[in-house]
Amino acid sequence: MVSNQLIPMVIEKEGRGERAYDIYSRLLKDRIVFLGGGVDDNIANLVIAQLLFLSNEDSEADIHFYINSPGGSVSAGLAVYDTMRFLRCDVATYCIGQAASMGAVLFAGGTEGKRCMLPNSRILLHQPLISGVMQGPATDLEIEAKEIIRLRKRLYNILSFHTGKSEEQVVKDCDRNLWLEAQESIDYGLADKILEKEPAK
């Protein structure tokens, strides 16, 4: 989903009339979900609702999840990730542009064998970032620090599971920004193939 932008409309002929859709609703008809920005609670809820709707419509057909995201909230991203894994249908993921940080976790969480990179797309792995200033009693800060470390370990565990890399290797690789181009993402185990052309329907 994309927020705060002009959203194009698509007009289709239906019988003797016409019907207008916003572009995202039209893509949804073809089982396409698009994440084109940062992951926050609002965007995550929209993506989750679309995934659940499509799974309810047809639990056998693939969902096609296109990702061009700089990342965002870990808790919001994990809600999307868990939903992807919860569904009975396969979720094919496509990295267009970039899948960075939490976006990389969502991309990697696609169905194995169906995680596709476009030729000039890239993935960024790194430690979870903390934004803002933490304030409060020392005991509360200690609790928050432990939660951040727990979430970081969870993310590393997820990446280890989907890549086949050891958790120790993932920890080492995420210590600093690790940018991976399409082939490097395949070599790392995050992606399965590079798509030059859209697959036939």
Protein backbone atom coordinates (compact mmCIF):
# COMPACT_ATOMS: atom_id res chain seq x y z
CA MET A 1 0.00 0.00 0.00
CA VAL A 2 1.07 3.59 -0.63
CA SER A 3 -0.06 6.50 1.49
CA ASN A 4 -0.24 10.26 0.94
CA GLN A 5 -0.02 10.02 -2.83
CA LEU A 6 -2.35 10.59 -5.72
CA ILE A 7 -3.80 7.16 -6.50
CA PRO A 8 -4.51 6.42 -10.18
CA MET A 9 -7.91 5.08 -11.22
CA VAL A 10 -8.48 2.28 -13.73
CA ILE A 11 -11.65 2.15 -15.81
CA GLU A 12 -12.85 -1.22 -17.07
CA LYS A 13 -15.76 -2.04 -19.32
CA GLU A 14 -18.28 -4.36 -17.67
CA GLY A 15 -21.20 -5.49 -19.79
CA ARG A 16 -22.78 -2.30 -21.12
CA GLY A 17 -21.20 -0.04 -18.54
CA GLU A 18 -17.91 0.93 -17.03
CA ARG A 19 -16.50 0.54 -13.56
CA ALA A 20 -13.73 2.60 -11.97
CA TYR A 21 -11.26 1.09 -9.51
CA ASP A 22 -8.37 2.65 -7.67
CA ILE A 23 -5.24 0.91 -8.92
CA TYR A 24 -4.70 -1.08 -5.71
CA SER A 25 -8.24 -2.47 -5.74
CA ARG A 26 -7.75 -3.50 -9.36
CA LEU A 27 -4.47 -5.24 -8.53
CA LEU A 28 -6.22 -7.00 -5.65
CA LYS A 29 -8.62 -8.58 -8.19
CA ASP A 30 -5.55 -10.30 -9.66
CA ARG A 31 -4.36 -11.37 -6.18
CA ILE A 32 -1.61 -8.75 -6.09
CA VAL A 33 -0.73 -6.93 -2.87
CA PHE A 34 1.72 -4.03 -3.08
CA LEU A 35 3.83 -2.65 -0.24
CA GLY A 36 5.41 0.55 -1.54
CA GLY A 37 6.77 2.35 1.49
CA GLY A 38 7.58 2.09 5.15
CA VAL A 39 5.96 -0.49 7.40
CA ASP A 40 3.88 1.01 10.20
CA ASP A 41 0.78 -0.17 12.06
CA ASN A 42 -1.66 1.37 9.54
CA ILE A 43 0.09 -0.04 6.48
CA ALA A 44 0.53 -3.43 8.18
CA ASN A 45 -3.19 -3.60 8.97
CA LEU A 46 -4.07 -2.80 5.34
CA VAL A 47 -1.69 -5.47 4.03
CA ILE A 48 -2.95 -8.03 6.55
CA ALA A 49 -6.57 -7.32 5.62
CA GLN A 50 -5.78 -7.86 1.93
CA LEU A 51 -3.89 -11.09 2.61
CA LEU A 52 -6.74 -12.46 4.72
CA PHE A 53 -9.32 -11.43 2.14
CA LEU A 54 -7.46 -13.13 -0.71
CA SER A 55 -6.88 -16.29 1.31
CA ASN A 56 -10.57 -16.39 2.19
CA GLU A 57 -11.52 -15.92 -1.47
CA ASP A 58 -9.34 -18.82 -2.65
CA SER A 59 -7.06 -20.72 -0.29
CA GLU A 60 -5.42 -22.63 -3.16
CA ALA A 61 -4.32 -19.79 -5.46
CA ASP A 62 -1.07 -17.90 -4.87
CA ILE A 63 -0.99 -14.38 -3.51
CA HIS A 64 1.58 -12.15 -5.25
CA PHE A 65 3.18 -9.75 -2.75
CA TYR A 66 5.27 -6.99 -4.36
CA ILE A 67 7.66 -5.21 -1.97
CA ASN A 68 9.49 -1.90 -2.43
CA SER A 69 10.09 -0.89 1.17
CA PRO A 70 12.75 0.81 3.30
CA GLY A 71 11.52 -1.20 6.30
CA GLY A 72 9.88 0.18 9.41
CA SER A 73 8.26 -0.99 12.62
CA VAL A 74 9.39 -4.42 13.79
CA SER A 75 6.13 -5.21 15.59
CA ALA A 76 4.02 -4.15 12.58
CA GLY A 77 6.26 -6.10 10.22
CA LEU A 78 6.10 -9.23 12.34
CA ALA A 79 2.30 -9.04 12.27
CA VAL A 80 2.43 -9.13 8.45
CA TYR A 81 5.06 -11.89 8.50
CA ASP A 82 3.00 -14.05 10.85
CA THR A 83 -0.06 -13.57 8.66
CA MET A 84 1.88 -14.63 5.55
CA ARG A 85 3.02 -17.80 7.31
CA PHE A 86 -0.47 -18.44 8.74
CA LEU A 87 -2.26 -18.54 5.38
CA ARG A 88 -2.95 -21.84 3.63
CA CYS A 89 -2.16 -20.40 0.20
CA ASP A 90 1.36 -19.70 -1.02
CA VAL A 91 2.61 -16.13 -0.87
CA ALA A 92 5.01 -15.37 -3.72
CA THR A 93 7.19 -12.34 -2.93
CA TYR A 94 8.72 -9.97 -5.46
CA CYS A 95 11.43 -7.44 -4.60
CA ILE A 96 11.13 -4.36 -6.79
CA GLY A 97 13.53 -1.55 -5.96
CA GLN A 98 14.48 -2.53 -2.45
CA ALA A 99 13.45 -4.71 0.45
CA ALA A 100 15.34 -3.17 3.34
CA SER A 101 15.37 -4.01 7.02
CA MET A 102 11.85 -5.22 7.94
CA GLY A 103 11.06 -5.27 4.21
CA ALA A 104 13.82 -7.88 3.81
CA VAL A 105 12.23 -10.07 6.50
CA LEU A 106 8.85 -9.86 4.74
CA PHE A 107 10.44 -10.69 1.40
CA ALA A 108 12.35 -13.66 2.84
CA GLY A 109 9.12 -14.89 4.45
CA GLY A 110 7.57 -15.65 1.09
CA THR A 111 6.96 -19.26 0.04
CA GLU A 112 10.24 -21.02 -0.68
CA GLY A 113 10.85 -21.28 -4.41
CA LYS A 114 8.62 -18.24 -5.04
CA ARG A 115 10.81 -15.38 -3.76
CA CYS A 116 11.69 -13.36 -6.85
CA MET A 117 14.07 -10.45 -7.39
CA LEU A 118 13.86 -8.05 -10.29
CA PRO A 119 17.29 -7.56 -11.90
CA ASN A 120 18.14 -4.19 -10.32
CA SER A 121 16.47 -4.72 -6.96
CA ARG A 122 18.43 -5.10 -3.75
CA ILE A 123 18.06 -6.20 -0.16
CA LEU A 124 19.41 -4.56 2.99
CA LEU A 125 20.09 -6.53 6.15
CA HIS A 126 21.09 -4.80 9.38
CA GLN A 127 20.38 -4.60 13.09
CA PRO A 128 16.96 -3.26 14.08
CA LEU A 129 17.11 0.51 14.48
CA ILE A 130 15.86 2.43 17.50
CA SER A 131 14.30 5.80 16.72
CA GLY A 132 13.49 8.64 19.08
CA VAL A 133 14.74 9.23 22.58
CA MET A 134 14.06 6.70 25.31
CA GLN A 135 13.08 8.31 28.60
CA GLY A 136 11.80 7.01 31.90
CA PRO A 137 12.90 5.27 35.06
CA ALA A 138 16.05 3.17 34.77
CA THR A 139 14.09 -0.02 35.43
CA ASP A 140 11.74 0.74 32.51
CA LEU A 141 14.71 1.45 30.24
CA GLU A 142 16.21 -1.87 31.26
CA ILE A 143 12.94 -3.64 30.38
CA GLU A 144 12.85 -1.88 26.98
CA ALA A 145 16.49 -2.78 26.30
CA LYS A 146 15.77 -6.45 27.02
CA GLU A 147 12.76 -6.36 24.69
CA ILE A 148 14.82 -4.80 21.89
CA ILE A 149 17.46 -7.52 22.27
CA ARG A 150 14.74 -10.21 22.29
CA LEU A 151 13.19 -8.82 19.09
CA ARG A 152 16.60 -8.59 17.43
CA LYS A 153 17.24 -12.26 18.26
CA ARG A 154 13.80 -13.17 16.87
CA LEU A 155 14.53 -11.38 13.58
CA TYR A 156 17.91 -13.10 13.28
CA ASN A 157 16.21 -16.44 13.95
CA ILE A 158 13.67 -15.76 11.17
CA LEU A 159 16.42 -14.82 8.70
CA SER A 160 18.43 -17.89 9.68
CA PHE A 161 15.38 -20.11 9.11
CA HIS A 162 14.66 -18.70 5.64
CA THR A 163 18.25 -18.52 4.39
CA GLY A 164 19.72 -21.69 5.85
CA LYS A 165 22.54 -19.62 7.35
CA SER A 166 23.53 -20.18 10.96
CA GLU A 167 22.19 -17.64 13.42
CA GLU A 168 25.81 -16.74 14.26
CA GLN A 169 26.45 -15.92 10.58
CA VAL A 170 23.29 -13.79 10.38
CA VAL A 171 24.31 -11.90 13.55
CA LYS A 172 27.74 -11.22 12.03
CA ASP A 173 26.30 -10.15 8.67
CA CYS A 174 23.74 -7.81 10.27
CA ASP A 175 26.30 -6.08 12.49
CA ARG A 176 26.63 -3.40 9.81
CA ASN A 177 24.55 -2.60 6.73
CA LEU A 178 24.75 -5.50 4.27
CA TRP A 179 23.45 -4.59 0.80
CA LEU A 180 22.81 -7.53 -1.51
CA GLU A 181 22.06 -7.27 -5.21
CA ALA A 182 19.74 -9.75 -6.91
CA GLN A 183 22.23 -12.59 -7.50
CA GLU A 184 23.87 -12.01 -4.12
CA SER A 185 20.44 -12.33 -2.49
CA ILE A 186 19.99 -15.71 -4.17
CA ASP A 187 23.47 -16.81 -3.11
CA TYR A 188 22.69 -15.76 0.47
CA GLY A 189 19.45 -17.77 0.48
CA LEU A 190 17.06 -14.83 0.74
CA ALA A 191 15.72 -15.16 -2.81
CA ASP A 192 15.09 -18.00 -5.24
CA LYS A 193 15.24 -16.45 -8.70
CA ILE A 194 15.66 -13.32 -10.77
CA LEU A 195 12.76 -12.39 -13.04
CA GLU A 196 13.51 -10.53 -16.26
CA LYS A 197 9.89 -10.66 -17.47
CA GLU A 198 6.53 -10.96 -15.77
CA PRO A 199 5.47 -14.63 -15.65
CA ALA A 200 2.61 -15.65 -17.95
CA LYS A 201 -0.77 -15.88 -16.23
